[in-house]
Amino acid sequence: MPFRRLGALTDTSAAKVYRQARAEKDNLPENSYLSKTYCDLWSGILNLDGKHIKARGYEKKIPFIYGLDFLTHDLPVGVLAPSESCAALSKLFRLLKAMDYHLKIVVCDDNSAVDLALKRAYPRAKIQLCHNHYFENLRGQLLIRTEEKYRPFFYELKVAFSTKLHPANRDAKLAHITYKYGRKDETIMGIMADIERRKDKLFAYKQIKNCPSTNNIIESYNSHLNGRLKTIKGFQSFHSAQCWLNAWLVRRRTNILTDCDKPFKHLNGKSGLEMALKKDQKWPSILGVKPPKNALKMQR
């Protein structure tokens, strides 16, 4: 909400509202401190993604990379960095390591920097490439939206990637597709060879119970973040962007979940932070009053 409108609602000036909001953000605890001090009941299944933020002093937008714990919907970590480099991702994984996050698998887009950074901090953790992102890249490569040539192959390949298929049936379908379409087409043969080479990352979710094959859940958080950022043309500095994003993370972690469908209906009426709190850990007093139990009905 614009500061001017907030000022009108509270019968004060926009400048005063801005000063109050900035003071509140400066006084918030750092997000990774909350994670390290109060939480440990995470699933170890991390959806990783980010958004690019405009900040003064940088010619291009800079990445804000953050992770969402899949089963708790908590946001234990987020990093703003000058570039989406191996160093930035290494910092994120080091923060997770420091808070004793037992990382099993990272669900992410195809990024070699993730692979390198992950091996340094969590050499045994797996990577699951997001199927939606993979097929979107393939759709662009094969010009599926404008040309018909590769559409039969593309749609049959999507069926082979179905999460309901047993690995043996999936491998049989992939072999059939290679024989059917790849014998006389080098492009398709190259794609099928790439799938075979990266099978461990494309189908790692089969080895981890409850692991998703896509980043859909964090994409919904990205949509929310986009909505917030639309009202902000840019940040005055790296620090101001960092401060605002920390506030956003804390807000999302403490916000009551209301629209979770199966298999997450049990999360409705609770917050991500609440789900990740250590056993017998009370609501952090540093955050003030815990949202009431009837907050779900109140919001509806």
C-alpha atoms as a PDB file:
ATOM      1  CA  MET A   1       0.000   0.000   0.000  1.00  0.00           C
ATOM      2  CA  PRO A   2       1.415   3.469  -0.848  1.00  0.00           C
ATOM      3  CA  PHE A   3       2.695   5.521   2.112  1.00  0.00           C
ATOM      4  CA  ARG A   4       0.400   8.375   1.171  1.00  0.00           C
ATOM      5  CA  ARG A   5      -2.663   6.123   1.440  1.00  0.00           C
ATOM      6  CA  LEU A   6      -1.420   4.674   4.716  1.00  0.00           C
ATOM      7  CA  GLY A   7      -1.001   8.204   6.019  1.00  0.00           C
ATOM      8  CA  ALA A   8      -4.571   9.060   5.075  1.00  0.00           C
ATOM      9  CA  LEU A   9      -5.890   5.954   6.832  1.00  0.00           C
ATOM     10  CA  THR A  10      -3.934   6.688  10.012  1.00  0.00           C
ATOM     11  CA  ASP A  11      -4.474  10.456   9.925  1.00  0.00           C
ATOM     12  CA  THR A  12      -0.776  11.268   9.620  1.00  0.00           C
ATOM     13  CA  SER A  13       1.701  12.292   6.936  1.00  0.00           C
ATOM     14  CA  ALA A  14       3.203   9.993   4.328  1.00  0.00           C
ATOM     15  CA  ALA A  15       6.694  10.978   5.516  1.00  0.00           C
ATOM     16  CA  LYS A  16       5.923   9.924   9.080  1.00  0.00           C
ATOM     17  CA  VAL A  17       4.482   6.616   7.928  1.00  0.00           C
ATOM     18  CA  TYR A  18       7.617   6.006   5.867  1.00  0.00           C
ATOM     19  CA  ARG A  19       9.861   6.684   8.879  1.00  0.00           C
ATOM     20  CA  GLN A  20       7.790   4.350  11.039  1.00  0.00           C
ATOM     21  CA  ALA A  21       7.835   1.585   8.436  1.00  0.00           C
ATOM     22  CA  ARG A  22      11.600   1.917   7.988  1.00  0.00           C
ATOM     23  CA  ALA A  23      12.147   1.757  11.754  1.00  0.00           C
ATOM     24  CA  GLU A  24      10.015  -1.383  11.967  1.00  0.00           C
ATOM     25  CA  LYS A  25      11.984  -3.057   9.180  1.00  0.00           C
ATOM     26  CA  ASP A  26      15.313  -2.107  10.786  1.00  0.00           C
ATOM     27  CA  ASN A  27      14.198  -3.632  14.099  1.00  0.00           C
ATOM     28  CA  LEU A  28      13.120  -6.967  12.626  1.00  0.00           C
ATOM     29  CA  PRO A  29      15.350  -9.979  13.380  1.00  0.00           C
ATOM     30  CA  GLU A  30      17.454 -11.264  10.507  1.00  0.00           C
ATOM     31  CA  ASN A  31      15.681 -14.165   8.817  1.00  0.00           C
ATOM     32  CA  SER A  32      18.518 -16.704   9.062  1.00  0.00           C
ATOM     33  CA  TYR A  33      18.896 -15.820  12.772  1.00  0.00           C
ATOM     34  CA  LEU A  34      15.269 -16.841  13.305  1.00  0.00           C
ATOM     35  CA  SER A  35      15.947 -20.122  11.514  1.00  0.00           C
ATOM     36  CA  LYS A  36      19.115 -20.930  13.431  1.00  0.00           C
ATOM     37  CA  THR A  37      17.756 -19.977  16.862  1.00  0.00           C
ATOM     38  CA  TYR A  38      14.185 -21.278  16.793  1.00  0.00           C
ATOM     39  CA  CYS A  39      13.727 -23.892  14.050  1.00  0.00           C
ATOM     40  CA  ASP A  40      14.791 -27.410  13.136  1.00  0.00           C
ATOM     41  CA  LEU A  41      11.663 -29.340  12.083  1.00  0.00           C
ATOM     42  CA  TRP A  42      12.219 -28.955   8.348  1.00  0.00           C
ATOM     43  CA  SER A  43      11.762 -31.698   5.764  1.00  0.00           C
ATOM     44  CA  GLY A  44      15.118 -31.208   4.022  1.00  0.00           C
ATOM     45  CA  ILE A  45      13.352 -30.844   0.656  1.00  0.00           C
ATOM     46  CA  LEU A  46      14.252 -27.362  -0.556  1.00  0.00           C
ATOM     47  CA  ASN A  47      12.602 -25.552  -3.459  1.00  0.00           C
ATOM     48  CA  LEU A  48      15.112 -22.976  -4.679  1.00  0.00           C
ATOM     49  CA  ASP A  49      14.370 -19.982  -6.894  1.00  0.00           C
ATOM     50  CA  GLY A  50      14.770 -16.227  -7.014  1.00  0.00           C
ATOM     51  CA  LYS A  51      13.772 -12.881  -8.429  1.00  0.00           C
ATOM     52  CA  HIS A  52      15.837 -10.054  -9.874  1.00  0.00           C
ATOM     53  CA  ILE A  53      15.605  -6.759  -8.007  1.00  0.00           C
ATOM     54  CA  LYS A  54      16.406  -3.244  -9.174  1.00  0.00           C
ATOM     55  CA  ALA A  55      18.750  -1.379  -6.813  1.00  0.00           C
ATOM     56  CA  ARG A  56      20.622   1.899  -7.241  1.00  0.00           C
ATOM     57  CA  GLY A  57      24.309   1.461  -8.038  1.00  0.00           C
ATOM     58  CA  TYR A  58      23.792  -1.575 -10.262  1.00  0.00           C
ATOM     59  CA  GLU A  59      23.304  -1.336 -14.022  1.00  0.00           C
ATOM     60  CA  LYS A  60      21.306  -4.555 -14.140  1.00  0.00           C
ATOM     61  CA  LYS A  61      18.843  -6.076 -11.726  1.00  0.00           C
ATOM     62  CA  ILE A  62      20.451  -8.183  -9.023  1.00  0.00           C
ATOM     63  CA  PRO A  63      19.217 -11.611  -7.838  1.00  0.00           C
ATOM     64  CA  PHE A  64      17.412 -12.371  -4.609  1.00  0.00           C
ATOM     65  CA  ILE A  65      17.755 -16.141  -4.130  1.00  0.00           C
ATOM     66  CA  TYR A  66      15.674 -17.892  -1.505  1.00  0.00           C
ATOM     67  CA  GLY A  67      14.614 -21.358  -0.470  1.00  0.00           C
ATOM     68  CA  LEU A  68      11.294 -22.821   0.628  1.00  0.00           C
ATOM     69  CA  ASP A  69      11.079 -25.989   2.709  1.00  0.00           C
ATOM     70  CA  PHE A  70       8.522 -28.055   0.804  1.00  0.00           C
ATOM     71  CA  LEU A  71       6.643 -29.880   3.563  1.00  0.00           C
ATOM     72  CA  THR A  72       6.486 -27.019   6.094  1.00  0.00           C
ATOM     73  CA  HIS A  73       6.129 -24.131   3.588  1.00  0.00           C
ATOM     74  CA  ASP A  74       8.704 -22.279   5.681  1.00  0.00           C
ATOM     75  CA  LEU A  75      11.290 -19.889   4.223  1.00  0.00           C
ATOM     76  CA  PRO A  76      14.482 -20.560   6.199  1.00  0.00           C
ATOM     77  CA  VAL A  77      16.938 -18.677   3.990  1.00  0.00           C
ATOM     78  CA  GLY A  78      17.260 -15.873   1.450  1.00  0.00           C
ATOM     79  CA  VAL A  79      20.292 -14.112  -0.036  1.00  0.00           C
ATOM     80  CA  LEU A  80      20.561 -10.888  -2.042  1.00  0.00           C
ATOM     81  CA  ALA A  81      23.699 -10.861  -4.166  1.00  0.00           C
ATOM     82  CA  PRO A  82      25.330  -8.700  -6.867  1.00  0.00           C
ATOM     83  CA  SER A  83      25.077 -11.624  -9.313  1.00  0.00           C
ATOM     84  CA  GLU A  84      23.675 -15.135  -9.564  1.00  0.00           C
ATOM     85  CA  SER A  85      27.072 -16.717  -9.129  1.00  0.00           C
ATOM     86  CA  CYS A  86      28.508 -19.778  -7.457  1.00  0.00           C
ATOM     87  CA  ALA A  87      29.688 -17.511  -4.617  1.00  0.00           C
ATOM     88  CA  ALA A  88      26.135 -16.279  -3.934  1.00  0.00           C
ATOM     89  CA  LEU A  89      24.738 -19.816  -3.913  1.00  0.00           C
ATOM     90  CA  SER A  90      27.626 -21.013  -1.739  1.00  0.00           C
ATOM     91  CA  LYS A  91      26.691 -18.333   0.788  1.00  0.00           C
ATOM     92  CA  LEU A  92      23.085 -19.562   0.801  1.00  0.00           C
ATOM     93  CA  PHE A  93      24.099 -23.175   1.382  1.00  0.00           C
ATOM     94  CA  ARG A  94      26.587 -22.134   4.096  1.00  0.00           C
ATOM     95  CA  LEU A  95      23.757 -20.339   5.903  1.00  0.00           C
ATOM     96  CA  LEU A  96      21.651 -23.504   5.702  1.00  0.00           C
ATOM     97  CA  LYS A  97      24.577 -25.524   7.038  1.00  0.00           C
ATOM     98  CA  ALA A  98      25.039 -23.100   9.943  1.00  0.00           C
ATOM     99  CA  MET A  99      21.389 -23.498  10.995  1.00  0.00           C
ATOM    100  CA  ASP A 100      21.699 -27.322  10.876  1.00  0.00           C
ATOM    101  CA  TYR A 101      19.330 -27.655   7.956  1.00  0.00           C
ATOM    102  CA  HIS A 102      19.552 -31.327   6.934  1.00  0.00           C
ATOM    103  CA  LEU A 103      19.334 -30.865   3.201  1.00  0.00           C
ATOM    104  CA  LYS A 104      18.314 -33.947   1.228  1.00  0.00           C
ATOM    105  CA  ILE A 105      17.459 -32.515  -2.176  1.00  0.00           C
ATOM    106  CA  VAL A 106      17.228 -29.174  -3.993  1.00  0.00           C
ATOM    107  CA  VAL A 107      14.451 -28.643  -6.530  1.00  0.00           C
ATOM    108  CA  CYS A 108      15.618 -25.922  -8.920  1.00  0.00           C
ATOM    109  CA  ASP A 109      16.017 -24.709 -12.480  1.00  0.00           C
ATOM    110  CA  ASP A 110      18.946 -25.879 -14.564  1.00  0.00           C
ATOM    111  CA  ASN A 111      21.931 -23.918 -13.236  1.00  0.00           C
ATOM    112  CA  SER A 112      25.495 -25.267 -13.125  1.00  0.00           C
ATOM    113  CA  ALA A 113      26.336 -22.863 -10.285  1.00  0.00           C
ATOM    114  CA  VAL A 114      23.853 -24.669  -8.021  1.00  0.00           C
ATOM    115  CA  ASP A 115      25.620 -27.957  -8.681  1.00  0.00           C
ATOM    116  CA  LEU A 116      29.053 -26.546  -7.835  1.00  0.00           C
ATOM    117  CA  ALA A 117      27.923 -24.686  -4.702  1.00  0.00           C
ATOM    118  CA  LEU A 118      25.906 -27.633  -3.410  1.00  0.00           C
ATOM    119  CA  LYS A 119      28.815 -30.071  -3.693  1.00  0.00           C
ATOM    120  CA  ARG A 120      30.918 -27.816  -1.449  1.00  0.00           C
ATOM    121  CA  ALA A 121      28.410 -27.599   1.400  1.00  0.00           C
ATOM    122  CA  TYR A 122      26.237 -30.704   0.963  1.00  0.00           C
ATOM    123  CA  PRO A 123      28.165 -33.261  -1.121  1.00  0.00           C
ATOM    124  CA  ARG A 124      25.532 -35.964  -0.523  1.00  0.00           C
ATOM    125  CA  ALA A 125      22.468 -33.843  -1.337  1.00  0.00           C
ATOM    126  CA  LYS A 126      20.693 -34.431  -4.633  1.00  0.00           C
ATOM    127  CA  ILE A 127      19.401 -32.043  -7.308  1.00  0.00           C
ATOM    128  CA  GLN A 128      15.981 -32.326  -8.925  1.00  0.00           C
ATOM    129  CA  LEU A 129      15.607 -30.246 -12.084  1.00  0.00           C
ATOM    130  CA  CYS A 130      12.195 -28.613 -12.343  1.00  0.00           C
ATOM    131  CA  HIS A 131      10.228 -30.420 -15.072  1.00  0.00           C
ATOM    132  CA  ASN A 132       8.200 -27.326 -15.938  1.00  0.00           C
ATOM    133  CA  HIS A 133      11.357 -25.313 -16.528  1.00  0.00           C
ATOM    134  CA  TYR A 134      12.922 -28.157 -18.502  1.00  0.00           C
ATOM    135  CA  PHE A 135       9.944 -28.478 -20.848  1.00  0.00           C
ATOM    136  CA  GLU A 136       9.634 -24.720 -21.232  1.00  0.00           C
ATOM    137  CA  ASN A 137      13.233 -24.608 -22.489  1.00  0.00           C
ATOM    138  CA  LEU A 138      12.507 -27.548 -24.772  1.00  0.00           C
ATOM    139  CA  ARG A 139       9.355 -25.844 -26.060  1.00  0.00           C
ATOM    140  CA  GLY A 140      11.427 -22.830 -27.093  1.00  0.00           C
ATOM    141  CA  GLN A 141      14.206 -24.929 -28.617  1.00  0.00           C
ATOM    142  CA  LEU A 142      11.781 -26.915 -30.798  1.00  0.00           C
ATOM    143  CA  LEU A 143       9.474 -23.947 -31.604  1.00  0.00           C
ATOM    144  CA  ILE A 144       6.477 -25.964 -30.412  1.00  0.00           C
ATOM    145  CA  ARG A 145       4.129 -22.968 -30.304  1.00  0.00           C
ATOM    146  CA  THR A 146       4.691 -21.984 -33.922  1.00  0.00           C
ATOM    147  CA  GLU A 147       5.674 -25.160 -35.767  1.00  0.00           C
ATOM    148  CA  GLU A 148       4.073 -28.618 -35.829  1.00  0.00           C
ATOM    149  CA  LYS A 149       7.131 -30.699 -36.737  1.00  0.00           C
ATOM    150  CA  TYR A 150       8.164 -31.721 -33.220  1.00  0.00           C
ATOM    151  CA  ARG A 151       4.804 -31.551 -31.441  1.00  0.00           C
ATOM    152  CA  PRO A 152       4.068 -35.336 -31.499  1.00  0.00           C
ATOM    153  CA  PHE A 153       7.514 -36.037 -30.049  1.00  0.00           C
ATOM    154  CA  PHE A 154       7.171 -33.258 -27.438  1.00  0.00           C
ATOM    155  CA  TYR A 155       3.771 -34.379 -26.115  1.00  0.00           C
ATOM    156  CA  GLU A 156       4.763 -38.041 -26.037  1.00  0.00           C
ATOM    157  CA  LEU A 157       7.888 -37.099 -24.093  1.00  0.00           C
ATOM    158  CA  LYS A 158       5.777 -35.237 -21.536  1.00  0.00           C
ATOM    159  CA  VAL A 159       3.771 -38.413 -20.966  1.00  0.00           C
ATOM    160  CA  ALA A 160       7.018 -40.312 -20.339  1.00  0.00           C
ATOM    161  CA  PHE A 161       7.891 -37.762 -17.608  1.00  0.00           C
ATOM    162  CA  SER A 162       4.639 -38.432 -15.724  1.00  0.00           C
ATOM    163  CA  THR A 163       5.233 -38.769 -11.974  1.00  0.00           C
ATOM    164  CA  LYS A 164       2.799 -41.700 -11.882  1.00  0.00           C
ATOM    165  CA  LEU A 165       5.000 -43.922 -14.034  1.00  0.00           C
ATOM    166  CA  HIS A 166       7.173 -46.592 -12.467  1.00  0.00           C
ATOM    167  CA  PRO A 167      10.870 -46.027 -13.339  1.00  0.00           C
ATOM    168  CA  ALA A 168      10.961 -49.227 -15.400  1.00  0.00           C
ATOM    169  CA  ASN A 169       7.916 -48.145 -17.437  1.00  0.00           C
ATOM    170  CA  ARG A 170       9.384 -44.665 -17.852  1.00  0.00           C
ATOM    171  CA  ASP A 171      12.678 -46.068 -19.177  1.00  0.00           C
ATOM    172  CA  ALA A 172      10.762 -48.295 -21.604  1.00  0.00           C
ATOM    173  CA  LYS A 173       8.776 -45.293 -22.896  1.00  0.00           C
ATOM    174  CA  LEU A 174      11.939 -43.215 -23.299  1.00  0.00           C
ATOM    175  CA  ALA A 175      13.592 -46.041 -25.246  1.00  0.00           C
ATOM    176  CA  HIS A 176      10.511 -46.321 -27.471  1.00  0.00           C
ATOM    177  CA  ILE A 177      10.497 -42.544 -28.109  1.00  0.00           C
ATOM    178  CA  THR A 178      14.203 -42.642 -29.020  1.00  0.00           C
ATOM    179  CA  TYR A 179      13.590 -45.448 -31.503  1.00  0.00           C
ATOM    180  CA  LYS A 180      10.395 -43.910 -32.921  1.00  0.00           C
ATOM    181  CA  TYR A 181      11.537 -40.305 -33.388  1.00  0.00           C
ATOM    182  CA  GLY A 182      15.307 -40.216 -33.047  1.00  0.00           C
ATOM    183  CA  ARG A 183      16.524 -42.620 -35.690  1.00  0.00           C
ATOM    184  CA  LYS A 184      16.396 -40.045 -38.491  1.00  0.00           C
ATOM    185  CA  ASP A 185      16.486 -36.789 -36.527  1.00  0.00           C
ATOM    186  CA  GLU A 186      19.725 -35.571 -34.964  1.00  0.00           C
ATOM    187  CA  THR A 187      17.946 -32.903 -32.913  1.00  0.00           C
ATOM    188  CA  ILE A 188      15.719 -35.434 -31.185  1.00  0.00           C
ATOM    189  CA  MET A 189      18.608 -37.863 -30.771  1.00  0.00           C
ATOM    190  CA  GLY A 190      20.574 -35.105 -29.030  1.00  0.00           C
ATOM    191  CA  ILE A 191      17.664 -34.374 -26.666  1.00  0.00           C
ATOM    192  CA  MET A 192      17.219 -38.044 -25.773  1.00  0.00           C
ATOM    193  CA  ALA A 193      20.951 -38.432 -25.206  1.00  0.00           C
ATOM    194  CA  ASP A 194      20.867 -35.423 -22.878  1.00  0.00           C
ATOM    195  CA  ILE A 195      17.952 -36.947 -20.917  1.00  0.00           C
ATOM    196  CA  GLU A 196      19.893 -40.191 -20.526  1.00  0.00           C
ATOM    197  CA  ARG A 197      22.990 -38.298 -19.379  1.00  0.00           C
ATOM    198  CA  ARG A 198      21.069 -36.274 -16.785  1.00  0.00           C
ATOM    199  CA  LYS A 199      18.624 -38.933 -15.681  1.00  0.00           C
ATOM    200  CA  ASP A 200      19.858 -38.726 -12.087  1.00  0.00           C
ATOM    201  CA  LYS A 201      18.842 -35.036 -11.872  1.00  0.00           C
ATOM    202  CA  LEU A 202      15.642 -35.254 -13.907  1.00  0.00           C
ATOM    203  CA  PHE A 203      14.209 -38.103 -11.840  1.00  0.00           C
ATOM    204  CA  ALA A 204      15.901 -37.689  -8.443  1.00  0.00           C
ATOM    205  CA  TYR A 205      12.506 -37.006  -6.849  1.00  0.00           C
ATOM    206  CA  LYS A 206      11.734 -40.728  -7.085  1.00  0.00           C
ATOM    207  CA  GLN A 207      14.444 -41.396  -4.483  1.00  0.00           C
ATOM    208  CA  ILE A 208      13.165 -38.907  -1.875  1.00  0.00           C
ATOM    209  CA  LYS A 209       9.744 -39.446  -0.302  1.00  0.00           C
ATOM    210  CA  ASN A 210       7.303 -36.542  -0.868  1.00  0.00           C
ATOM    211  CA  CYS A 211       9.722 -34.699  -3.153  1.00  0.00           C
ATOM    212  CA  PRO A 212       8.060 -32.738  -5.996  1.00  0.00           C
ATOM    213  CA  SER A 213       9.254 -32.779  -9.604  1.00  0.00           C
ATOM    214  CA  THR A 214       8.513 -29.074 -10.160  1.00  0.00           C
ATOM    215  CA  ASN A 215       9.016 -25.705  -8.499  1.00  0.00           C
ATOM    216  CA  ASN A 216       5.308 -24.812  -8.660  1.00  0.00           C
ATOM    217  CA  ILE A 217       5.073 -24.055  -4.953  1.00  0.00           C
ATOM    218  CA  ILE A 218       7.826 -21.443  -4.900  1.00  0.00           C
ATOM    219  CA  GLU A 219       6.541 -19.964  -8.167  1.00  0.00           C
ATOM    220  CA  SER A 220       3.360 -19.020  -6.294  1.00  0.00           C
ATOM    221  CA  TYR A 221       5.516 -17.194  -3.744  1.00  0.00           C
ATOM    222  CA  ASN A 222       7.287 -15.459  -6.628  1.00  0.00           C
ATOM    223  CA  SER A 223       3.923 -14.227  -7.889  1.00  0.00           C
ATOM    224  CA  HIS A 224       3.207 -12.716  -4.489  1.00  0.00           C
ATOM    225  CA  LEU A 225       6.639 -11.096  -4.416  1.00  0.00           C
ATOM    226  CA  ASN A 226       6.090  -9.705  -7.923  1.00  0.00           C
ATOM    227  CA  GLY A 227       2.861  -8.104  -6.753  1.00  0.00           C
ATOM    228  CA  ARG A 228       4.708  -6.364  -3.924  1.00  0.00           C
ATOM    229  CA  LEU A 229       7.555  -5.222  -6.153  1.00  0.00           C
ATOM    230  CA  LYS A 230       5.223  -3.697  -8.770  1.00  0.00           C
ATOM    231  CA  THR A 231       4.595  -0.763  -6.447  1.00  0.00           C
ATOM    232  CA  ILE A 232       8.336  -0.249  -5.956  1.00  0.00           C
ATOM    233  CA  LYS A 233      10.229   1.212  -8.916  1.00  0.00           C
ATOM    234  CA  GLY A 234      13.560   0.357  -7.324  1.00  0.00           C
ATOM    235  CA  PHE A 235      15.513   0.433  -4.088  1.00  0.00           C
ATOM    236  CA  GLN A 236      17.745   3.300  -3.067  1.00  0.00           C
ATOM    237  CA  SER A 237      20.630   1.005  -2.152  1.00  0.00           C
ATOM    238  CA  PHE A 238      21.687  -2.600  -1.724  1.00  0.00           C
ATOM    239  CA  HIS A 239      21.075  -2.272   2.020  1.00  0.00           C
ATOM    240  CA  SER A 240      17.543  -0.928   1.641  1.00  0.00           C
ATOM    241  CA  ALA A 241      16.677  -3.797  -0.737  1.00  0.00           C
ATOM    242  CA  GLN A 242      18.189  -6.292   1.692  1.00  0.00           C
ATOM    243  CA  CYS A 243      16.207  -4.820   4.583  1.00  0.00           C
ATOM    244  CA  TRP A 244      12.905  -4.856   2.667  1.00  0.00           C
ATOM    245  CA  LEU A 245      13.412  -8.430   1.445  1.00  0.00           C
ATOM    246  CA  ASN A 246      14.221  -9.593   4.964  1.00  0.00           C
ATOM    247  CA  ALA A 247      10.934  -8.055   6.113  1.00  0.00           C
ATOM    248  CA  TRP A 248       9.116  -9.832   3.292  1.00  0.00           C
ATOM    249  CA  LEU A 249      10.626 -13.193   4.292  1.00  0.00           C
ATOM    250  CA  VAL A 250       9.697 -12.742   7.957  1.00  0.00           C
ATOM    251  CA  ARG A 251       6.199 -11.628   6.994  1.00  0.00           C
ATOM    252  CA  ARG A 252       5.654 -14.649   4.747  1.00  0.00           C
ATOM    253  CA  ARG A 253       6.980 -17.038   7.402  1.00  0.00           C
ATOM    254  CA  THR A 254       4.625 -15.682  10.061  1.00  0.00           C
ATOM    255  CA  ASN A 255       1.604 -15.263   7.792  1.00  0.00           C
ATOM    256  CA  ILE A 256      -1.260 -17.676   8.377  1.00  0.00           C
ATOM    257  CA  LEU A 257      -1.720 -20.125   5.492  1.00  0.00           C
ATOM    258  CA  THR A 258      -5.295 -20.258   4.217  1.00  0.00           C
ATOM    259  CA  ASP A 259      -5.472 -21.773   0.719  1.00  0.00           C
ATOM    260  CA  CYS A 260      -3.485 -25.008   0.929  1.00  0.00           C
ATOM    261  CA  ASP A 261      -4.974 -27.935  -0.998  1.00  0.00           C
ATOM    262  CA  LYS A 262      -4.195 -31.638  -0.686  1.00  0.00           C
ATOM    263  CA  PRO A 263      -1.800 -32.884   0.554  1.00  0.00           C
ATOM    264  CA  PHE A 264      -1.210 -29.705   2.594  1.00  0.00           C
ATOM    265  CA  LYS A 265      -4.667 -28.998   4.008  1.00  0.00           C
ATOM    266  CA  HIS A 266      -3.307 -29.617   7.507  1.00  0.00           C
ATOM    267  CA  LEU A 267      -1.214 -26.431   7.137  1.00  0.00           C
ATOM    268  CA  ASN A 268      -4.273 -24.164   6.891  1.00  0.00           C
ATOM    269  CA  GLY A 269      -4.579 -22.028  10.002  1.00  0.00           C
ATOM    270  CA  LYS A 270      -0.849 -22.280  10.708  1.00  0.00           C
ATOM    271  CA  SER A 271       2.250 -20.452   9.512  1.00  0.00           C
ATOM    272  CA  GLY A 272       5.397 -21.846   7.935  1.00  0.00           C
ATOM    273  CA  LEU A 273       7.502 -20.700  10.875  1.00  0.00           C
ATOM    274  CA  GLU A 274       5.128 -22.391  13.305  1.00  0.00           C
ATOM    275  CA  MET A 275       5.508 -25.691  11.449  1.00  0.00           C
ATOM    276  CA  ALA A 276       9.314 -25.498  11.589  1.00  0.00           C
ATOM    277  CA  LEU A 277       9.719 -24.501  15.264  1.00  0.00           C
ATOM    278  CA  LYS A 278      11.822 -26.804  17.418  1.00  0.00           C
ATOM    279  CA  LYS A 279       9.991 -29.282  19.597  1.00  0.00           C
ATOM    280  CA  ASP A 280       8.532 -27.520  22.671  1.00  0.00           C
ATOM    281  CA  GLN A 281       9.781 -24.174  21.304  1.00  0.00           C
ATOM    282  CA  LYS A 282       7.381 -21.337  22.067  1.00  0.00           C
ATOM    283  CA  TRP A 283       6.586 -18.589  19.567  1.00  0.00           C
ATOM    284  CA  PRO A 284       9.640 -16.267  19.406  1.00  0.00           C
ATOM    285  CA  SER A 285       8.955 -13.283  21.672  1.00  0.00           C
ATOM    286  CA  ILE A 286      11.113 -11.175  19.351  1.00  0.00           C
ATOM    287  CA  LEU A 287       8.253 -11.367  16.816  1.00  0.00           C
ATOM    288  CA  GLY A 288       5.605 -10.144  19.219  1.00  0.00           C
ATOM    289  CA  VAL A 289       2.202 -11.773  19.651  1.00  0.00           C
ATOM    290  CA  LYS A 290       1.566 -15.080  17.924  1.00  0.00           C
ATOM    291  CA  PRO A 291      -1.293 -14.986  15.361  1.00  0.00           C
ATOM    292  CA  PRO A 292      -4.533 -16.219  17.023  1.00  0.00           C
ATOM    293  CA  LYS A 293      -5.842 -19.725  16.391  1.00  0.00           C
ATOM    294  CA  ASN A 294      -8.947 -18.322  14.744  1.00  0.00           C
ATOM    295  CA  ALA A 295      -6.888 -16.197  12.322  1.00  0.00           C
ATOM    296  CA  LEU A 296      -7.984 -18.420   9.430  1.00  0.00           C
ATOM    297  CA  LYS A 297     -11.674 -17.619  10.021  1.00  0.00           C
ATOM    298  CA  MET A 298     -10.852 -13.958  10.587  1.00  0.00           C
ATOM    299  CA  GLN A 299      -9.027 -13.696   7.258  1.00  0.00           C
ATOM    300  CA  ARG A 300     -11.883 -15.413   5.420  1.00  0.00           C
END
